[in-house]
Each structure stands twice: as structure tokens, then as C-alpha cells.
Amino acid sequence: VGDTEESQRVLRIKAATLSDTYQRPIGRVYVLQ
């Protein structure tokens, strides 16, 4: 991410789907490093 070479950063991302008690997707959670 970042528009210029000086501002560019590297993010490691993991994602998981959030489900309700009926296993229906209601969103996602992202872990950023």
C-alpha cells in the first residue's frame, strides 16, 4: 500500500468469515500486520 515509493508499506493480511449461530455469513474479520 502507498502511492509513492517512500510511503509504500507491506501489510501481511489474514481474513476469516464471521457467521451467526446458523452458520450464515454476517461479515469478516481481518488481521493486519
All heavy atoms as atom14 arrays in JSON, in Angstrom:
{
  "sequence": "VGDTEESQRVLRIKAATLSDTYQRPIGRVYVLQ",
  "atom14_mask": [
    [1, 1, 1, 1, 1, 1, 1, 0, 0, 0, 0, 0, 0, 0],
    [1, 1, 1, 1, 0, 0, 0, 0, 0, 0, 0, 0, 0, 0],
    [1, 1, 1, 1, 1, 1, 1, 1, 0, 0, 0, 0, 0, 0],
    [1, 1, 1, 1, 1, 1, 1, 0, 0, 0, 0, 0, 0, 0],
    [1, 1, 1, 1, 1, 1, 1, 1, 1, 0, 0, 0, 0, 0],
    [1, 1, 1, 1, 1, 1, 1, 1, 1, 0, 0, 0, 0, 0],
    [1, 1, 1, 1, 1, 1, 0, 0, 0, 0, 0, 0, 0, 0],
    [1, 1, 1, 1, 1, 1, 1, 1, 1, 0, 0, 0, 0, 0],
    [1, 1, 1, 1, 1, 1, 1, 1, 1, 1, 1, 0, 0, 0],
    [1, 1, 1, 1, 1, 1, 1, 0, 0, 0, 0, 0, 0, 0],
    [1, 1, 1, 1, 1, 1, 1, 1, 0, 0, 0, 0, 0, 0],
    [1, 1, 1, 1, 1, 1, 1, 1, 1, 1, 1, 0, 0, 0],
    [1, 1, 1, 1, 1, 1, 1, 1, 0, 0, 0, 0, 0, 0],
    [1, 1, 1, 1, 1, 1, 1, 1, 1, 0, 0, 0, 0, 0],
    [1, 1, 1, 1, 1, 0, 0, 0, 0, 0, 0, 0, 0, 0],
    [1, 1, 1, 1, 1, 0, 0, 0, 0, 0, 0, 0, 0, 0],
    [1, 1, 1, 1, 1, 1, 1, 0, 0, 0, 0, 0, 0, 0],
    [1, 1, 1, 1, 1, 1, 1, 1, 0, 0, 0, 0, 0, 0],
    [1, 1, 1, 1, 1, 1, 0, 0, 0, 0, 0, 0, 0, 0],
    [1, 1, 1, 1, 1, 1, 1, 1, 0, 0, 0, 0, 0, 0],
    [1, 1, 1, 1, 1, 1, 1, 0, 0, 0, 0, 0, 0, 0],
    [1, 1, 1, 1, 1, 1, 1, 1, 1, 1, 1, 1, 0, 0],
    [1, 1, 1, 1, 1, 1, 1, 1, 1, 0, 0, 0, 0, 0],
    [1, 1, 1, 1, 1, 1, 1, 1, 1, 1, 1, 0, 0, 0],
    [1, 1, 1, 1, 1, 1, 1, 0, 0, 0, 0, 0, 0, 0],
    [1, 1, 1, 1, 1, 1, 1, 1, 0, 0, 0, 0, 0, 0],
    [1, 1, 1, 1, 0, 0, 0, 0, 0, 0, 0, 0, 0, 0],
    [1, 1, 1, 1, 1, 1, 1, 1, 1, 1, 1, 0, 0, 0],
    [1, 1, 1, 1, 1, 1, 1, 0, 0, 0, 0, 0, 0, 0],
    [1, 1, 1, 1, 1, 1, 1, 1, 1, 1, 1, 1, 0, 0],
    [1, 1, 1, 1, 1, 1, 1, 0, 0, 0, 0, 0, 0, 0],
    [1, 1, 1, 1, 1, 1, 1, 1, 0, 0, 0, 0, 0, 0],
    [1, 1, 1, 1, 1, 1, 1, 1, 1, 0, 0, 0, 0, 0]
  ],
  "atom14_positions": [
    [[0.85, -1.18, 0.0], [0.0, 0.0, 0.0], [0.88, 1.23, 0.0], [2.02, 1.21, 0.44], [-0.94, 0.01, 1.23], [-1.88, -1.17, 1.2], [-0.14, 0.02, 2.52], [0.0, 0.0, 0.0], [0.0, 0.0, 0.0], [0.0, 0.0, 0.0], [0.0, 0.0, 0.0], [0.0, 0.0, 0.0], [0.0, 0.0, 0.0], [0.0, 0.0, 0.0]],
    [[0.33, 2.34, -0.51], [1.07, 3.59, -0.58], [1.22, 4.05, -2.01], [1.43, 3.23, -2.93], [0.0, 0.0, 0.0], [0.0, 0.0, 0.0], [0.0, 0.0, 0.0], [0.0, 0.0, 0.0], [0.0, 0.0, 0.0], [0.0, 0.0, 0.0], [0.0, 0.0, 0.0], [0.0, 0.0, 0.0], [0.0, 0.0, 0.0], [0.0, 0.0, 0.0]],
    [[1.13, 5.36, -2.22], [1.16, 5.91, -3.57], [2.58, 6.12, -4.08], [2.85, 6.0, -5.27], [0.4, 7.24, -3.62], [-1.07, 7.07, -3.25], [-1.61, 5.99, -3.56], [-1.64, 8.0, -2.65], [0.0, 0.0, 0.0], [0.0, 0.0, 0.0], [0.0, 0.0, 0.0], [0.0, 0.0, 0.0], [0.0, 0.0, 0.0], [0.0, 0.0, 0.0]],
    [[3.51, 6.43, -3.18], [4.89, 6.7, -3.59], [5.81, 5.65, -3.0], [5.46, 4.92, -2.07], [5.34, 8.09, -3.11], [5.35, 8.11, -1.68], [4.41, 9.17, -3.63], [0.0, 0.0, 0.0], [0.0, 0.0, 0.0], [0.0, 0.0, 0.0], [0.0, 0.0, 0.0], [0.0, 0.0, 0.0], [0.0, 0.0, 0.0], [0.0, 0.0, 0.0]],
    [[7.02, 5.58, -3.55], [7.98, 4.6, -3.06], [8.35, 4.85, -1.61], [8.54, 3.91, -0.84], [9.24, 4.65, -3.93], [10.28, 3.59, -3.58], [11.46, 3.61, -4.51], [11.4, 4.29, -5.56], [12.46, 2.93, -4.21], [0.0, 0.0, 0.0], [0.0, 0.0, 0.0], [0.0, 0.0, 0.0], [0.0, 0.0, 0.0], [0.0, 0.0, 0.0]],
    [[8.41, 6.14, -1.22], [8.77, 6.47, 0.15], [7.67, 6.09, 1.13], [7.95, 5.71, 2.28], [9.06, 7.98, 0.28], [10.33, 8.44, -0.44], [10.14, 8.55, -1.95], [8.96, 8.49, -2.38], [11.15, 8.66, -2.67], [0.0, 0.0, 0.0], [0.0, 0.0, 0.0], [0.0, 0.0, 0.0], [0.0, 0.0, 0.0], [0.0, 0.0, 0.0]],
    [[6.41, 6.17, 0.7], [5.29, 5.9, 1.61], [4.8, 4.45, 1.54], [3.9, 4.07, 2.28], [4.12, 6.84, 1.3], [3.6, 6.57, 0.0], [0.0, 0.0, 0.0], [0.0, 0.0, 0.0], [0.0, 0.0, 0.0], [0.0, 0.0, 0.0], [0.0, 0.0, 0.0], [0.0, 0.0, 0.0], [0.0, 0.0, 0.0], [0.0, 0.0, 0.0]],
    [[5.37, 3.66, 0.66], [4.89, 2.29, 0.49], [5.19, 1.45, 1.71], [6.25, 1.54, 2.31], [5.51, 1.65, -0.75], [4.84, 2.05, -2.05], [5.35, 1.27, -3.23], [6.36, 0.58, -3.14], [4.66, 1.37, -4.36], [0.0, 0.0, 0.0], [0.0, 0.0, 0.0], [0.0, 0.0, 0.0], [0.0, 0.0, 0.0], [0.0, 0.0, 0.0]],
    [[4.21, 0.62, 2.1], [4.36, -0.32, 3.19], [3.87, -1.69, 2.74], [3.04, -1.8, 1.84], [3.57, 0.13, 4.42], [4.13, 1.37, 5.1], [3.2, 1.85, 6.18], [1.88, 2.18, 5.62], [0.75, 2.18, 6.31], [0.75, 1.8, 7.58], [-0.4, 2.51, 5.74], [0.0, 0.0, 0.0], [0.0, 0.0, 0.0], [0.0, 0.0, 0.0]],
    [[4.39, -2.73, 3.41], [3.99, -4.09, 3.11], [3.15, -4.59, 4.28], [3.6, -4.61, 5.42], [5.21, -5.01, 2.9], [4.75, -6.43, 2.57], [6.11, -4.47, 1.81], [0.0, 0.0, 0.0], [0.0, 0.0, 0.0], [0.0, 0.0, 0.0], [0.0, 0.0, 0.0], [0.0, 0.0, 0.0], [0.0, 0.0, 0.0], [0.0, 0.0, 0.0]],
    [[1.9, -4.98, 3.99], [1.0, -5.49, 5.01], [0.76, -6.97, 4.8], [0.5, -7.41, 3.67], [-0.35, -4.75, 4.96], [-0.35, -3.23, 5.16], [-1.77, -2.7, 5.13], [0.34, -2.87, 6.46], [0.0, 0.0, 0.0], [0.0, 0.0, 0.0], [0.0, 0.0, 0.0], [0.0, 0.0, 0.0], [0.0, 0.0, 0.0], [0.0, 0.0, 0.0]],
    [[0.87, -7.72, 5.87], [0.51, -9.14, 5.84], [-0.91, -9.25, 6.4], [-1.19, -8.78, 7.5], [1.48, -9.97, 6.67], [1.2, -11.48, 6.62], [2.29, -12.23, 7.35], [3.56, -12.11, 6.63], [4.75, -12.24, 7.19], [4.83, -12.48, 8.48], [5.86, -12.12, 6.48], [0.0, 0.0, 0.0], [0.0, 0.0, 0.0], [0.0, 0.0, 0.0]],
    [[-1.82, -9.87, 5.64], [-3.24, -9.88, 5.97], [-3.76, -11.31, 6.03], [-3.48, -12.13, 5.15], [-4.06, -9.07, 4.94], [-3.52, -7.64, 4.83], [-5.53, -9.05, 5.31], [-4.19, -6.83, 3.76], [0.0, 0.0, 0.0], [0.0, 0.0, 0.0], [0.0, 0.0, 0.0], [0.0, 0.0, 0.0], [0.0, 0.0, 0.0], [0.0, 0.0, 0.0]],
    [[-4.51, -11.59, 7.09], [-5.27, -12.82, 7.19], [-6.74, -12.46, 7.38], [-7.05, -11.5, 8.09], [-4.79, -13.68, 8.36], [-3.47, -14.39, 8.12], [-3.15, -15.35, 9.26], [-1.85, -16.1, 8.99], [-1.53, -17.05, 10.08], [0.0, 0.0, 0.0], [0.0, 0.0, 0.0], [0.0, 0.0, 0.0], [0.0, 0.0, 0.0], [0.0, 0.0, 0.0]],
    [[-7.62, -13.21, 6.76], [-9.05, -12.91, 6.84], [-9.83, -14.15, 7.23], [-9.43, -15.28, 6.93], [-9.57, -12.37, 5.5], [0.0, 0.0, 0.0], [0.0, 0.0, 0.0], [0.0, 0.0, 0.0], [0.0, 0.0, 0.0], [0.0, 0.0, 0.0], [0.0, 0.0, 0.0], [0.0, 0.0, 0.0], [0.0, 0.0, 0.0], [0.0, 0.0, 0.0]],
    [[-10.93, -13.94, 7.92], [-11.83, -15.04, 8.3], [-13.26, -14.55, 8.25], [-13.55, -13.38, 8.58], [-11.49, -15.55, 9.7], [0.0, 0.0, 0.0], [0.0, 0.0, 0.0], [0.0, 0.0, 0.0], [0.0, 0.0, 0.0], [0.0, 0.0, 0.0], [0.0, 0.0, 0.0], [0.0, 0.0, 0.0], [0.0, 0.0, 0.0], [0.0, 0.0, 0.0]],
    [[-14.16, -15.42, 7.83], [-15.58, -15.07, 7.74], [-16.25, -15.24, 9.1], [-16.02, -16.22, 9.8], [-16.29, -15.95, 6.7], [-15.67, -15.73, 5.42], [-17.77, -15.62, 6.61], [0.0, 0.0, 0.0], [0.0, 0.0, 0.0], [0.0, 0.0, 0.0], [0.0, 0.0, 0.0], [0.0, 0.0, 0.0], [0.0, 0.0, 0.0], [0.0, 0.0, 0.0]],
    [[-17.09, -14.26, 9.45], [-17.88, -14.34, 10.68], [-19.25, -14.91, 10.34], [-19.88, -14.49, 9.36], [-18.03, -12.96, 11.3], [-16.73, -12.26, 11.74], [-17.01, -10.85, 12.22], [-16.05, -13.07, 12.83], [0.0, 0.0, 0.0], [0.0, 0.0, 0.0], [0.0, 0.0, 0.0], [0.0, 0.0, 0.0], [0.0, 0.0, 0.0], [0.0, 0.0, 0.0]],
    [[-19.71, -15.87, 11.13], [-21.01, -16.49, 10.88], [-21.87, -16.41, 12.14], [-21.36, -16.32, 13.26], [-20.83, -17.96, 10.47], [-20.0, -18.06, 9.33], [0.0, 0.0, 0.0], [0.0, 0.0, 0.0], [0.0, 0.0, 0.0], [0.0, 0.0, 0.0], [0.0, 0.0, 0.0], [0.0, 0.0, 0.0], [0.0, 0.0, 0.0], [0.0, 0.0, 0.0]],
    [[-23.2, -16.46, 11.92], [-24.09, -16.46, 13.06], [-24.26, -17.9, 13.56], [-23.58, -18.82, 13.08], [-25.43, -15.82, 12.71], [-26.14, -16.57, 11.59], [-25.76, -17.72, 11.29], [-27.09, -15.99, 11.0], [0.0, 0.0, 0.0], [0.0, 0.0, 0.0], [0.0, 0.0, 0.0], [0.0, 0.0, 0.0], [0.0, 0.0, 0.0], [0.0, 0.0, 0.0]],
    [[-25.12, -18.08, 14.5], [-25.3, -19.42, 15.09], [-25.86, -20.42, 14.09], [-25.81, -21.63, 14.32], [-26.24, -19.34, 16.3], [-27.47, -18.71, 15.89], [-25.6, -18.55, 17.42], [0.0, 0.0, 0.0], [0.0, 0.0, 0.0], [0.0, 0.0, 0.0], [0.0, 0.0, 0.0], [0.0, 0.0, 0.0], [0.0, 0.0, 0.0], [0.0, 0.0, 0.0]],
    [[-26.41, -19.89, 12.97], [-26.94, -20.78, 11.92], [-25.93, -20.96, 10.78], [-26.27, -21.43, 9.71], [-28.24, -20.22, 11.36], [-29.32, -20.1, 12.41], [-29.6, -18.86, 12.99], [-30.05, -21.22, 12.84], [-30.58, -18.74, 13.96], [-31.02, -21.11, 13.82], [-31.29, -19.87, 14.38], [-32.24, -19.75, 15.36], [0.0, 0.0, 0.0], [0.0, 0.0, 0.0]],
    [[-24.64, -20.54, 11.06], [-23.56, -20.66, 10.09], [-23.8, -19.84, 8.84], [-23.34, -20.2, 7.76], [-23.31, -22.14, 9.72], [-22.94, -23.01, 10.91], [-21.69, -22.5, 11.62], [-20.69, -22.22, 10.99], [-21.79, -22.36, 12.95], [0.0, 0.0, 0.0], [0.0, 0.0, 0.0], [0.0, 0.0, 0.0], [0.0, 0.0, 0.0], [0.0, 0.0, 0.0]],
    [[-24.55, -18.74, 9.01], [-24.76, -17.84, 7.87], [-23.76, -16.69, 7.97], [-23.6, -16.11, 9.06], [-26.19, -17.3, 7.87], [-27.23, -18.37, 7.51], [-28.62, -17.83, 7.62], [-28.96, -17.46, 9.0], [-30.16, -17.63, 9.54], [-31.15, -18.15, 8.83], [-30.39, -17.26, 10.79], [0.0, 0.0, 0.0], [0.0, 0.0, 0.0], [0.0, 0.0, 0.0]],
    [[-23.06, -16.35, 6.87], [-22.05, -15.28, 6.92], [-22.69, -13.93, 7.22], [-23.69, -13.56, 6.61], [-21.42, -15.32, 5.52], [-22.44, -15.97, 4.65], [-23.19, -16.94, 5.51], [0.0, 0.0, 0.0], [0.0, 0.0, 0.0], [0.0, 0.0, 0.0], [0.0, 0.0, 0.0], [0.0, 0.0, 0.0], [0.0, 0.0, 0.0], [0.0, 0.0, 0.0]],
    [[-22.07, -13.21, 8.16], [-22.58, -11.88, 8.5], [-21.48, -10.82, 8.44], [-21.71, -9.65, 8.75], [-23.19, -11.89, 9.92], [-22.14, -12.35, 10.93], [-24.43, -12.75, 9.98], [-22.6, -12.24, 12.37], [0.0, 0.0, 0.0], [0.0, 0.0, 0.0], [0.0, 0.0, 0.0], [0.0, 0.0, 0.0], [0.0, 0.0, 0.0], [0.0, 0.0, 0.0]],
    [[-20.29, -11.21, 8.02], [-19.2, -10.24, 7.93], [-17.86, -10.96, 7.89], [-17.78, -12.18, 7.76], [0.0, 0.0, 0.0], [0.0, 0.0, 0.0], [0.0, 0.0, 0.0], [0.0, 0.0, 0.0], [0.0, 0.0, 0.0], [0.0, 0.0, 0.0], [0.0, 0.0, 0.0], [0.0, 0.0, 0.0], [0.0, 0.0, 0.0], [0.0, 0.0, 0.0]],
    [[-16.79, -10.15, 8.01], [-15.45, -10.72, 8.0], [-14.59, -10.0, 9.03], [-14.84, -8.84, 9.37], [-14.78, -10.61, 6.63], [-15.52, -11.31, 5.49], [-14.61, -11.45, 4.28], [-13.85, -12.69, 4.33], [-12.85, -12.98, 3.5], [-12.46, -12.1, 2.6], [-12.22, -14.11, 3.59], [0.0, 0.0, 0.0], [0.0, 0.0, 0.0], [0.0, 0.0, 0.0]],
    [[-13.56, -10.71, 9.54], [-12.57, -10.09, 10.42], [-11.21, -10.22, 9.73], [-10.89, -11.24, 9.13], [-12.55, -10.77, 11.81], [-12.19, -12.24, 11.71], [-11.58, -10.05, 12.74], [0.0, 0.0, 0.0], [0.0, 0.0, 0.0], [0.0, 0.0, 0.0], [0.0, 0.0, 0.0], [0.0, 0.0, 0.0], [0.0, 0.0, 0.0], [0.0, 0.0, 0.0]],
    [[-10.46, -9.11, 9.79], [-9.15, -9.05, 9.14], [-8.08, -8.79, 10.19], [-8.24, -7.92, 11.06], [-9.11, -7.93, 8.09], [-10.06, -8.13, 6.94], [-11.39, -7.72, 7.02], [-9.63, -8.73, 5.76], [-12.27, -7.91, 5.97], [-10.51, -8.92, 4.69], [-11.83, -8.51, 4.81], [-12.69, -8.7, 3.76], [0.0, 0.0, 0.0], [0.0, 0.0, 0.0]],
    [[-6.98, -9.53, 10.11], [-5.81, -9.31, 10.97], [-4.71, -8.7, 10.11], [-4.31, -9.28, 9.1], [-5.31, -10.63, 11.61], [-4.1, -10.37, 12.5], [-6.43, -11.29, 12.41], [0.0, 0.0, 0.0], [0.0, 0.0, 0.0], [0.0, 0.0, 0.0], [0.0, 0.0, 0.0], [0.0, 0.0, 0.0], [0.0, 0.0, 0.0], [0.0, 0.0, 0.0]],
    [[-4.26, -7.5, 10.49], [-3.28, -6.76, 9.71], [-1.95, -6.7, 10.47], [-1.92, -6.41, 11.66], [-3.76, -5.34, 9.43], [-5.2, -5.17, 8.91], [-5.52, -3.7, 8.74], [-5.38, -5.91, 7.59], [0.0, 0.0, 0.0], [0.0, 0.0, 0.0], [0.0, 0.0, 0.0], [0.0, 0.0, 0.0], [0.0, 0.0, 0.0], [0.0, 0.0, 0.0]],
    [[-0.86, -6.95, 9.77], [0.47, -6.83, 10.36], [1.38, -6.09, 9.39], [1.52, -6.49, 8.23], [1.07, -8.22, 10.67], [2.42, -8.16, 11.34], [3.01, -9.54, 11.57], [2.57, -10.51, 10.98], [4.04, -9.63, 12.4], [0.0, 0.0, 0.0], [0.0, 0.0, 0.0], [0.0, 0.0, 0.0], [0.0, 0.0, 0.0], [0.0, 0.0, 0.0]]
  ]
}
